[in-house]
Amino acid sequence: MGSFVYNCPHCGTLGAGFSQKAEFSCAKGRIAVAATCNLCLEPVTAVVSKLGGIKPSEYSGDILKNNNFFILNDFYPSPAAKDTPEGVPQPVARAYDQAAASRRGGHFDAACGMYRKAMELSLKAFSPEIDAWKIEKRIDKMAAQHKITPELQAWAHELRLDGNDAMHGDEQATDEMADQMHELCRFLFIYLYSLPLQVVAAKERRDAR
């Protein structure tokens, strides 16, 4: 049977390996390749067009890699779309995306740790004079400068402690904890990055009238 590498829509692993289990003929000469993720074992289907004289099950390499044998037409289910807010700097977005992938895969300790890192990186840019390990002071500074609401400030403090427990404590993180940290980071990034961009864009539209 064949194999391929693709982003898993179930566990969120980027470049996950998939093992083919079966294949079926489709319309227009296409072939549906049924496979499972080697990590979470969940099923997917890749629909390919055959260019060469062999079937996916007869090919020894990656059937989705650029080659002269197959072209990918569709993939089911589609990999989860990223929901990183607009304007988030690349280092922050990378940590946030890794946290989200760990959350989708059920790795909640890793997810909470990476959400905390994403929060730290975002706050660092706005308060570089504060020691890196004093994230609570950075949260309070953002609130004092009215860059985040008092509610976000209180929420950030609660989940900062949850992130600490996930990284350094004995208690395991839960799906609820990871969900809360995901939403906190999303709202935090909207306030710090997306809203200022939207205000600037609105002003530019008004000035252009």
C-alpha atoms as a PDB file:
ATOM      1  CA  MET A   1       0.000   0.000   0.000  1.00  0.00           C
ATOM      2  CA  GLY A   2       1.036   3.590  -0.605  1.00  0.00           C
ATOM      3  CA  SER A   3       1.698   6.394   1.865  1.00  0.00           C
ATOM      4  CA  PHE A   4       1.870  10.185   1.933  1.00  0.00           C
ATOM      5  CA  VAL A   5       2.611  13.224   4.072  1.00  0.00           C
ATOM      6  CA  TYR A   6      -0.058  15.865   4.732  1.00  0.00           C
ATOM      7  CA  ASN A   7      -1.374  18.084   7.535  1.00  0.00           C
ATOM      8  CA  CYS A   8      -3.731  16.012   9.658  1.00  0.00           C
ATOM      9  CA  PRO A   9      -7.219  17.574   9.965  1.00  0.00           C
ATOM     10  CA  HIS A  10      -7.904  15.566  13.136  1.00  0.00           C
ATOM     11  CA  CYS A  11      -4.871  15.943  15.419  1.00  0.00           C
ATOM     12  CA  GLY A  12      -3.507  19.065  13.720  1.00  0.00           C
ATOM     13  CA  THR A  13      -0.025  17.612  13.163  1.00  0.00           C
ATOM     14  CA  LEU A  14       1.785  19.430  10.371  1.00  0.00           C
ATOM     15  CA  GLY A  15       3.394  17.067   7.896  1.00  0.00           C
ATOM     16  CA  ALA A  16       1.884  13.952   9.437  1.00  0.00           C
ATOM     17  CA  GLY A  17       2.498  10.571   7.830  1.00  0.00           C
ATOM     18  CA  PHE A  18      -0.485   8.618   6.466  1.00  0.00           C
ATOM     19  CA  SER A  19      -0.684   4.918   5.608  1.00  0.00           C
ATOM     20  CA  GLN A  20      -2.986   3.796   2.800  1.00  0.00           C
ATOM     21  CA  LYS A  21      -5.656   1.239   3.723  1.00  0.00           C
ATOM     22  CA  ALA A  22      -7.680   0.980   0.507  1.00  0.00           C
ATOM     23  CA  GLU A  23      -8.365   2.662  -2.834  1.00  0.00           C
ATOM     24  CA  PHE A  24     -11.462   3.090  -5.006  1.00  0.00           C
ATOM     25  CA  SER A  25     -12.069   4.199  -8.576  1.00  0.00           C
ATOM     26  CA  CYS A  26     -13.942   7.508  -8.992  1.00  0.00           C
ATOM     27  CA  ALA A  27     -15.367   9.521 -11.904  1.00  0.00           C
ATOM     28  CA  LYS A  28     -13.046  11.029 -14.525  1.00  0.00           C
ATOM     29  CA  GLY A  29     -10.403   8.394 -13.885  1.00  0.00           C
ATOM     30  CA  ARG A  30      -9.635   9.599 -10.379  1.00  0.00           C
ATOM     31  CA  ILE A  31      -8.780   7.333  -7.447  1.00  0.00           C
ATOM     32  CA  ALA A  32      -9.898   7.785  -3.824  1.00  0.00           C
ATOM     33  CA  VAL A  33      -7.171   6.724  -1.423  1.00  0.00           C
ATOM     34  CA  ALA A  34      -8.420   5.835   2.066  1.00  0.00           C
ATOM     35  CA  ALA A  35      -5.694   6.228   4.705  1.00  0.00           C
ATOM     36  CA  THR A  36      -5.154   6.774   8.430  1.00  0.00           C
ATOM     37  CA  CYS A  37      -2.891   9.197  10.277  1.00  0.00           C
ATOM     38  CA  ASN A  38       0.114   7.392  11.752  1.00  0.00           C
ATOM     39  CA  LEU A  39      -0.221   9.474  14.947  1.00  0.00           C
ATOM     40  CA  CYS A  40      -3.928   9.722  15.819  1.00  0.00           C
ATOM     41  CA  LEU A  41      -5.105   6.823  13.591  1.00  0.00           C
ATOM     42  CA  GLU A  42      -8.079   8.863  12.324  1.00  0.00           C
ATOM     43  CA  PRO A  43      -9.182   8.296   8.702  1.00  0.00           C
ATOM     44  CA  VAL A  44      -8.832  10.618   5.697  1.00  0.00           C
ATOM     45  CA  THR A  45      -9.410  10.334   1.961  1.00  0.00           C
ATOM     46  CA  ALA A  46      -7.129  11.761  -0.728  1.00  0.00           C
ATOM     47  CA  VAL A  47      -8.564  11.925  -4.254  1.00  0.00           C
ATOM     48  CA  VAL A  48      -5.842  11.802  -6.908  1.00  0.00           C
ATOM     49  CA  SER A  49      -5.562  11.706 -10.686  1.00  0.00           C
ATOM     50  CA  LYS A  50      -3.347   8.951 -12.032  1.00  0.00           C
ATOM     51  CA  LEU A  51      -0.757  10.133 -14.564  1.00  0.00           C
ATOM     52  CA  GLY A  52       1.508   7.106 -14.700  1.00  0.00           C
ATOM     53  CA  GLY A  53       0.729   3.471 -15.303  1.00  0.00           C
ATOM     54  CA  ILE A  54       0.513   2.393 -11.660  1.00  0.00           C
ATOM     55  CA  LYS A  55      -2.033   2.681  -8.859  1.00  0.00           C
ATOM     56  CA  PRO A  56      -1.321   4.473  -5.539  1.00  0.00           C
ATOM     57  CA  SER A  57      -1.175   1.075  -3.806  1.00  0.00           C
ATOM     58  CA  GLU A  58       1.638   0.070  -6.162  1.00  0.00           C
ATOM     59  CA  TYR A  59       3.736   3.207  -5.618  1.00  0.00           C
ATOM     60  CA  SER A  60       6.526   3.031  -3.012  1.00  0.00           C
ATOM     61  CA  GLY A  61       6.982   6.786  -2.451  1.00  0.00           C
ATOM     62  CA  ASP A  62       4.844   9.696  -1.260  1.00  0.00           C
ATOM     63  CA  ILE A  63       1.858   9.704  -3.625  1.00  0.00           C
ATOM     64  CA  LEU A  64       1.128  13.412  -2.907  1.00  0.00           C
ATOM     65  CA  LYS A  65       4.646  14.634  -3.537  1.00  0.00           C
ATOM     66  CA  ASN A  66       5.341  16.324  -6.852  1.00  0.00           C
ATOM     67  CA  ASN A  67       6.056  13.486  -9.276  1.00  0.00           C
ATOM     68  CA  ASN A  68       5.019  12.102 -12.619  1.00  0.00           C
ATOM     69  CA  PHE A  69       2.461   9.627 -11.301  1.00  0.00           C
ATOM     70  CA  PHE A  70      -0.295  11.394  -9.309  1.00  0.00           C
ATOM     71  CA  ILE A  71      -1.931  14.820  -8.828  1.00  0.00           C
ATOM     72  CA  LEU A  72      -3.936  15.629  -5.693  1.00  0.00           C
ATOM     73  CA  ASN A  73      -7.502  16.769  -6.542  1.00  0.00           C
ATOM     74  CA  ASP A  74      -9.270  16.787  -3.166  1.00  0.00           C
ATOM     75  CA  PHE A  75      -8.630  15.912   0.460  1.00  0.00           C
ATOM     76  CA  TYR A  76     -11.297  15.001   3.037  1.00  0.00           C
ATOM     77  CA  PRO A  77     -11.792  16.272   5.644  1.00  0.00           C
ATOM     78  CA  SER A  78     -10.017  19.551   4.927  1.00  0.00           C
ATOM     79  CA  PRO A  79      -7.234  20.514   7.371  1.00  0.00           C
ATOM     80  CA  ALA A  80      -8.470  22.890  10.043  1.00  0.00           C
ATOM     81  CA  ALA A  81      -8.201  26.542   9.071  1.00  0.00           C
ATOM     82  CA  LYS A  82      -6.024  28.730  11.259  1.00  0.00           C
ATOM     83  CA  ASP A  83      -7.858  31.387  13.251  1.00  0.00           C
ATOM     84  CA  THR A  84      -4.893  33.605  14.130  1.00  0.00           C
ATOM     85  CA  PRO A  85      -6.179  37.202  14.308  1.00  0.00           C
ATOM     86  CA  GLU A  86      -5.012  39.762  11.757  1.00  0.00           C
ATOM     87  CA  GLY A  87      -1.723  41.546  12.330  1.00  0.00           C
ATOM     88  CA  VAL A  88      -0.175  39.102  14.795  1.00  0.00           C
ATOM     89  CA  PRO A  89       3.653  39.050  14.418  1.00  0.00           C
ATOM     90  CA  GLN A  90       5.112  35.858  13.006  1.00  0.00           C
ATOM     91  CA  PRO A  91       6.849  34.600  16.213  1.00  0.00           C
ATOM     92  CA  VAL A  92       3.630  35.064  18.199  1.00  0.00           C
ATOM     93  CA  ALA A  93       1.506  33.479  15.458  1.00  0.00           C
ATOM     94  CA  ARG A  94       3.866  30.496  15.253  1.00  0.00           C
ATOM     95  CA  ALA A  95       3.543  29.804  18.997  1.00  0.00           C
ATOM     96  CA  TYR A  96      -0.232  30.279  18.821  1.00  0.00           C
ATOM     97  CA  ASP A  97      -0.574  27.921  15.835  1.00  0.00           C
ATOM     98  CA  GLN A  98       1.545  25.266  17.568  1.00  0.00           C
ATOM     99  CA  ALA A  99      -0.614  25.594  20.675  1.00  0.00           C
ATOM    100  CA  ALA A 100      -3.787  25.250  18.606  1.00  0.00           C
ATOM    101  CA  ALA A 101      -2.416  22.143  16.862  1.00  0.00           C
ATOM    102  CA  SER A 102      -1.568  20.558  20.236  1.00  0.00           C
ATOM    103  CA  ARG A 103      -5.058  21.438  21.500  1.00  0.00           C
ATOM    104  CA  ARG A 104      -6.754  19.804  18.510  1.00  0.00           C
ATOM    105  CA  GLY A 105      -4.590  16.732  19.033  1.00  0.00           C
ATOM    106  CA  GLY A 106      -5.560  16.426  22.701  1.00  0.00           C
ATOM    107  CA  HIS A 107      -2.080  17.346  24.017  1.00  0.00           C
ATOM    108  CA  PHE A 108      -3.383  19.833  26.550  1.00  0.00           C
ATOM    109  CA  ASP A 109      -0.229  20.269  28.664  1.00  0.00           C
ATOM    110  CA  ALA A 110       1.738  21.189  25.547  1.00  0.00           C
ATOM    111  CA  ALA A 111      -1.090  23.410  24.320  1.00  0.00           C
ATOM    112  CA  CYS A 112      -1.307  25.408  27.551  1.00  0.00           C
ATOM    113  CA  GLY A 113       2.458  25.829  27.679  1.00  0.00           C
ATOM    114  CA  MET A 114       2.543  27.167  24.107  1.00  0.00           C
ATOM    115  CA  TYR A 115      -0.439  29.474  24.676  1.00  0.00           C
ATOM    116  CA  ARG A 116       1.428  30.938  27.636  1.00  0.00           C
ATOM    117  CA  LYS A 117       4.496  31.412  25.421  1.00  0.00           C
ATOM    118  CA  ALA A 118       2.387  33.149  22.772  1.00  0.00           C
ATOM    119  CA  MET A 119       1.005  35.471  25.437  1.00  0.00           C
ATOM    120  CA  GLU A 120       4.490  36.183  26.781  1.00  0.00           C
ATOM    121  CA  LEU A 121       5.837  36.992  23.315  1.00  0.00           C
ATOM    122  CA  SER A 122       2.961  39.335  22.545  1.00  0.00           C
ATOM    123  CA  LEU A 123       3.253  41.228  25.844  1.00  0.00           C
ATOM    124  CA  LYS A 124       7.049  41.451  25.569  1.00  0.00           C
ATOM    125  CA  ALA A 125       6.784  43.662  22.483  1.00  0.00           C
ATOM    126  CA  PHE A 126       4.725  46.202  24.437  1.00  0.00           C
ATOM    127  CA  SER A 127       6.817  46.174  27.642  1.00  0.00           C
ATOM    128  CA  PRO A 128      10.437  45.210  26.813  1.00  0.00           C
ATOM    129  CA  GLU A 129      11.720  47.059  29.882  1.00  0.00           C
ATOM    130  CA  ILE A 130      10.033  44.569  32.238  1.00  0.00           C
ATOM    131  CA  ASP A 131      11.930  41.389  33.095  1.00  0.00           C
ATOM    132  CA  ALA A 132      10.883  38.470  30.882  1.00  0.00           C
ATOM    133  CA  TRP A 133       9.727  36.321  33.776  1.00  0.00           C
ATOM    134  CA  LYS A 134       7.406  39.011  35.216  1.00  0.00           C
ATOM    135  CA  ILE A 135       4.507  38.352  32.915  1.00  0.00           C
ATOM    136  CA  GLU A 136       2.024  39.486  35.581  1.00  0.00           C
ATOM    137  CA  LYS A 137       3.572  42.986  35.526  1.00  0.00           C
ATOM    138  CA  ARG A 138       3.292  43.074  31.751  1.00  0.00           C
ATOM    139  CA  ILE A 139      -0.399  42.168  31.945  1.00  0.00           C
ATOM    140  CA  ASP A 140      -0.977  44.951  34.491  1.00  0.00           C
ATOM    141  CA  LYS A 141       0.896  47.457  32.320  1.00  0.00           C
ATOM    142  CA  MET A 142      -1.315  46.656  29.324  1.00  0.00           C
ATOM    143  CA  ALA A 143      -4.386  47.267  31.492  1.00  0.00           C
ATOM    144  CA  ALA A 144      -2.971  50.513  32.938  1.00  0.00           C
ATOM    145  CA  GLN A 145      -2.368  51.775  29.397  1.00  0.00           C
ATOM    146  CA  HIS A 146      -5.938  50.783  28.432  1.00  0.00           C
ATOM    147  CA  LYS A 147      -4.644  48.416  25.760  1.00  0.00           C
ATOM    148  CA  ILE A 148      -6.738  45.608  27.282  1.00  0.00           C
ATOM    149  CA  THR A 149      -9.926  45.703  29.342  1.00  0.00           C
ATOM    150  CA  PRO A 150     -10.032  45.007  33.090  1.00  0.00           C
ATOM    151  CA  GLU A 151     -11.894  41.779  32.289  1.00  0.00           C
ATOM    152  CA  LEU A 152      -9.105  40.641  29.958  1.00  0.00           C
ATOM    153  CA  GLN A 153      -6.576  41.593  32.641  1.00  0.00           C
ATOM    154  CA  ALA A 154      -8.290  39.392  35.258  1.00  0.00           C
ATOM    155  CA  TRP A 155      -8.770  36.547  32.768  1.00  0.00           C
ATOM    156  CA  ALA A 156      -5.109  36.730  31.711  1.00  0.00           C
ATOM    157  CA  HIS A 157      -3.950  36.475  35.331  1.00  0.00           C
ATOM    158  CA  GLU A 158      -6.095  33.398  35.947  1.00  0.00           C
ATOM    159  CA  LEU A 159      -4.887  31.609  32.835  1.00  0.00           C
ATOM    160  CA  ARG A 160      -1.298  32.700  33.400  1.00  0.00           C
ATOM    161  CA  LEU A 161      -1.419  30.613  36.566  1.00  0.00           C
ATOM    162  CA  ASP A 162      -2.989  27.727  34.646  1.00  0.00           C
ATOM    163  CA  GLY A 163      -0.124  27.939  32.147  1.00  0.00           C
ATOM    164  CA  ASN A 164       2.368  27.826  35.004  1.00  0.00           C
ATOM    165  CA  ASP A 165       0.706  24.705  36.389  1.00  0.00           C
ATOM    166  CA  ALA A 166       0.756  23.054  32.952  1.00  0.00           C
ATOM    167  CA  MET A 167       4.488  23.651  32.584  1.00  0.00           C
ATOM    168  CA  HIS A 168       5.749  23.242  36.139  1.00  0.00           C
ATOM    169  CA  GLY A 169       3.053  21.577  38.255  1.00  0.00           C
ATOM    170  CA  ASP A 170       1.949  17.979  38.746  1.00  0.00           C
ATOM    171  CA  GLU A 171      -1.665  18.568  37.714  1.00  0.00           C
ATOM    172  CA  GLN A 172      -2.493  17.755  34.101  1.00  0.00           C
ATOM    173  CA  ALA A 173      -4.077  20.395  31.895  1.00  0.00           C
ATOM    174  CA  THR A 174      -7.638  19.757  30.704  1.00  0.00           C
ATOM    175  CA  ASP A 175      -9.462  20.420  27.452  1.00  0.00           C
ATOM    176  CA  GLU A 176     -11.444  23.166  29.212  1.00  0.00           C
ATOM    177  CA  MET A 177      -8.213  24.848  30.315  1.00  0.00           C
ATOM    178  CA  ALA A 178      -6.776  24.670  26.799  1.00  0.00           C
ATOM    179  CA  ASP A 179     -10.021  26.047  25.324  1.00  0.00           C
ATOM    180  CA  GLN A 180      -9.955  28.963  27.759  1.00  0.00           C
ATOM    181  CA  MET A 181      -6.335  29.786  26.965  1.00  0.00           C
ATOM    182  CA  HIS A 182      -7.069  29.610  23.231  1.00  0.00           C
ATOM    183  CA  GLU A 183      -9.891  32.135  23.558  1.00  0.00           C
ATOM    184  CA  LEU A 184      -7.883  34.378  25.884  1.00  0.00           C
ATOM    185  CA  CYS A 185      -4.981  34.579  23.444  1.00  0.00           C
ATOM    186  CA  ARG A 186      -7.344  35.192  20.537  1.00  0.00           C
ATOM    187  CA  PHE A 187      -9.074  38.098  22.277  1.00  0.00           C
ATOM    188  CA  LEU A 188      -5.756  39.456  23.552  1.00  0.00           C
ATOM    189  CA  PHE A 189      -4.317  39.475  20.034  1.00  0.00           C
ATOM    190  CA  ILE A 190      -7.446  41.139  18.649  1.00  0.00           C
ATOM    191  CA  TYR A 191      -7.072  43.964  21.172  1.00  0.00           C
ATOM    192  CA  LEU A 192      -3.317  44.374  20.734  1.00  0.00           C
ATOM    193  CA  TYR A 193      -2.971  43.872  16.973  1.00  0.00           C
ATOM    194  CA  SER A 194      -6.197  43.576  14.977  1.00  0.00           C
ATOM    195  CA  LEU A 195      -8.230  46.479  16.385  1.00  0.00           C
ATOM    196  CA  PRO A 196      -5.454  49.087  15.908  1.00  0.00           C
ATOM    197  CA  LEU A 197      -5.126  47.988  12.270  1.00  0.00           C
ATOM    198  CA  GLN A 198      -8.870  48.322  11.752  1.00  0.00           C
ATOM    199  CA  VAL A 199      -8.883  51.814  13.300  1.00  0.00           C
ATOM    200  CA  VAL A 200      -6.085  52.918  10.963  1.00  0.00           C
ATOM    201  CA  ALA A 201      -7.897  51.436   7.960  1.00  0.00           C
ATOM    202  CA  ALA A 202     -11.153  53.184   8.905  1.00  0.00           C
ATOM    203  CA  LYS A 203      -9.331  56.528   9.270  1.00  0.00           C
ATOM    204  CA  GLU A 204      -7.666  56.086   5.880  1.00  0.00           C
ATOM    205  CA  ARG A 205     -11.032  55.381   4.257  1.00  0.00           C
ATOM    206  CA  ARG A 206     -12.522  58.491   5.845  1.00  0.00           C
ATOM    207  CA  ASP A 207      -9.573  60.677   4.808  1.00  0.00           C
ATOM    208  CA  ALA A 208      -9.818  59.376   1.235  1.00  0.00           C
ATOM    209  CA  ARG A 209     -13.401  60.610   0.815  1.00  0.00           C
END
